[in-house]
Structure formats: C-alpha cells, structure tokens
C-alpha cells in the first residue's frame, strides 16, 4: 500500500498519516506514506516511486488535483494494482474514487 499526502504543514494531513498507518497495520498491510510538500513535481515523483516499488494500491490525496490526475494517467499503464485518488475525478486512470 502506498499513500501520497500533500503536506506535513497542516495538522489534518499529520492526523491522516496516523490514521492511514493505524488502519493499514491493523488490517495486516504494509504501508508507505510519502508527502509531496505542496510540490506537484514531488507528488508525481512520489507516485512513480511507489509504482517502482510495485505497491498494489496507491492512494493519492492531491495538493494539485489537475497535476495528480496527469500523474495517475501517466502511471496507469505501469501500475500493476489500483490507483485511488480523492477528491477530484478528472481522469479515467483511476480505479476507485471517494469524495472526502
């Protein structure tokens, strides 16, 4: 499991990091959580890093929905698992969508 969060500079995302870690570990999954630091290029690099590690599911909480949609579309052909990207479905490269 891989999760890309937008920033550590907002308490909400730090709380979500804890919640993702707790939930996935309780369910028996390994999870890697990466932060994009408010940078679209880093967000894309994080998605690519998770794909290179062959994670089965990627959850993207985008700091820039348009850039994240482009990253998902570019990553989709190389992804062996699922891409999850809330909250703005601007691409068909995403398997699941949830509006937070």
Protein backbone atom coordinates (compact mmCIF):
# COMPACT_ATOMS: atom_id res chain seq x y z
CA UNK A 1 0.00 0.00 0.00
CA UNK A 2 1.22 3.48 -0.81
CA UNK A 3 -0.25 6.80 0.23
CA UNK A 4 0.74 10.21 -1.13
CA UNK A 5 -0.28 13.11 1.12
CA UNK A 6 0.08 16.76 0.12
CA UNK A 7 1.94 18.32 3.06
CA UNK A 8 3.13 17.96 6.64
CA UNK A 9 2.39 21.65 7.20
CA UNK A 10 -1.29 21.12 8.06
CA UNK A 11 -2.47 19.18 11.12
CA UNK A 12 -5.14 17.41 9.09
CA UNK A 13 -2.57 15.54 6.98
CA UNK A 14 -0.49 14.56 10.01
CA UNK A 15 -3.68 13.15 11.55
CA UNK A 16 -4.41 11.31 8.32
CA UNK A 17 -0.90 9.87 8.28
CA UNK A 18 -1.55 8.39 11.72
CA UNK A 19 -4.98 7.12 10.69
CA UNK A 20 -3.69 5.50 7.49
CA UNK A 21 -0.80 3.87 9.38
CA UNK A 22 -3.09 2.56 12.11
CA UNK A 23 -5.79 1.29 9.75
CA UNK A 24 -3.48 -0.48 7.32
CA UNK A 25 -1.36 -2.05 10.03
CA UNK A 26 -4.48 -3.25 11.87
CA UNK A 27 -5.64 -4.87 8.63
CA UNK A 28 -2.27 -6.56 8.17
CA UNK A 29 -0.94 -4.40 5.34
CA UNK A 30 2.41 -2.72 5.00
CA UNK A 31 2.03 0.94 4.09
CA UNK A 32 4.42 3.58 2.90
CA UNK A 33 3.29 7.18 3.29
CA UNK A 34 5.01 9.90 1.28
CA UNK A 35 4.50 13.66 1.49
CA UNK A 36 4.60 15.95 -1.54
CA UNK A 37 5.43 19.13 0.41
CA UNK A 38 2.99 21.16 -1.69
CA UNK A 39 5.01 20.42 -4.85
CA UNK A 40 3.32 18.90 -7.93
CA UNK A 41 6.61 17.56 -9.27
CA UNK A 42 7.34 15.83 -5.96
CA UNK A 43 3.80 14.43 -5.93
CA UNK A 44 4.42 12.89 -9.35
CA UNK A 45 7.82 11.57 -8.22
CA UNK A 46 6.16 10.00 -5.15
CA UNK A 47 3.63 8.20 -7.34
CA UNK A 48 6.42 6.96 -9.62
CA UNK A 49 8.46 5.79 -6.61
CA UNK A 50 5.54 3.76 -5.30
CA UNK A 51 4.98 2.17 -8.71
CA UNK A 52 8.68 1.31 -8.94
CA UNK A 53 8.31 -0.42 -5.56
CA UNK A 54 5.40 -2.39 -7.03
CA UNK A 55 2.89 -1.45 -4.35
CA UNK A 56 -0.52 -2.94 -5.05
CA UNK A 57 -2.63 0.12 -4.21
CA UNK A 58 -1.80 3.82 -4.36
CA UNK A 59 -3.94 6.42 -2.63
CA UNK A 60 -3.28 9.99 -3.75
CA UNK A 61 -4.62 12.89 -1.69
CA UNK A 62 -3.60 15.58 -4.15
CA UNK A 63 -2.31 19.00 -3.38
CA UNK A 64 -2.96 19.83 -7.05
CA UNK A 65 -5.83 17.76 -8.47
CA UNK A 66 -5.00 18.52 -12.10
CA UNK A 67 -1.36 17.52 -11.70
CA UNK A 68 -2.37 14.42 -9.73
CA UNK A 69 -4.78 13.40 -12.48
CA UNK A 70 -1.95 13.73 -15.01
CA UNK A 71 0.38 11.70 -12.77
CA UNK A 72 -2.28 8.98 -12.40
CA UNK A 73 -2.91 8.89 -16.15
CA UNK A 74 0.81 8.60 -16.87
CA UNK A 75 1.29 5.99 -14.15
CA UNK A 76 -1.72 3.85 -15.00
CA UNK A 77 -0.16 1.76 -17.78
CA UNK A 78 2.77 0.87 -15.48
CA UNK A 79 0.69 0.16 -12.39
CA UNK A 80 0.06 -3.47 -11.52
CA UNK A 81 -2.54 -2.70 -8.86
CA UNK A 82 -5.09 0.01 -8.20
CA UNK A 83 -4.84 3.78 -8.12
CA UNK A 84 -7.07 5.54 -5.62
CA UNK A 85 -7.25 9.30 -5.91
CA UNK A 86 -9.61 11.53 -4.00
CA UNK A 87 -11.23 14.01 -4.26
CA UNK A 88 -11.41 15.24 -7.88
CA UNK A 89 -12.02 12.62 -10.59
CA UNK A 90 -10.55 14.34 -13.64
CA UNK A 91 -9.15 11.21 -15.23
CA UNK A 92 -10.23 7.71 -16.19
CA UNK A 93 -6.84 6.39 -14.98
CA UNK A 94 -8.30 5.93 -11.51
CA UNK A 95 -9.96 2.67 -10.48
CA UNK A 96 -11.79 3.97 -7.44
CA UNK A 97 -12.87 7.40 -6.29
CA UNK A 98 -14.03 8.66 -2.94
CA UNK A 99 -15.03 12.16 -2.04
CA UNK A 100 -13.73 13.04 1.40
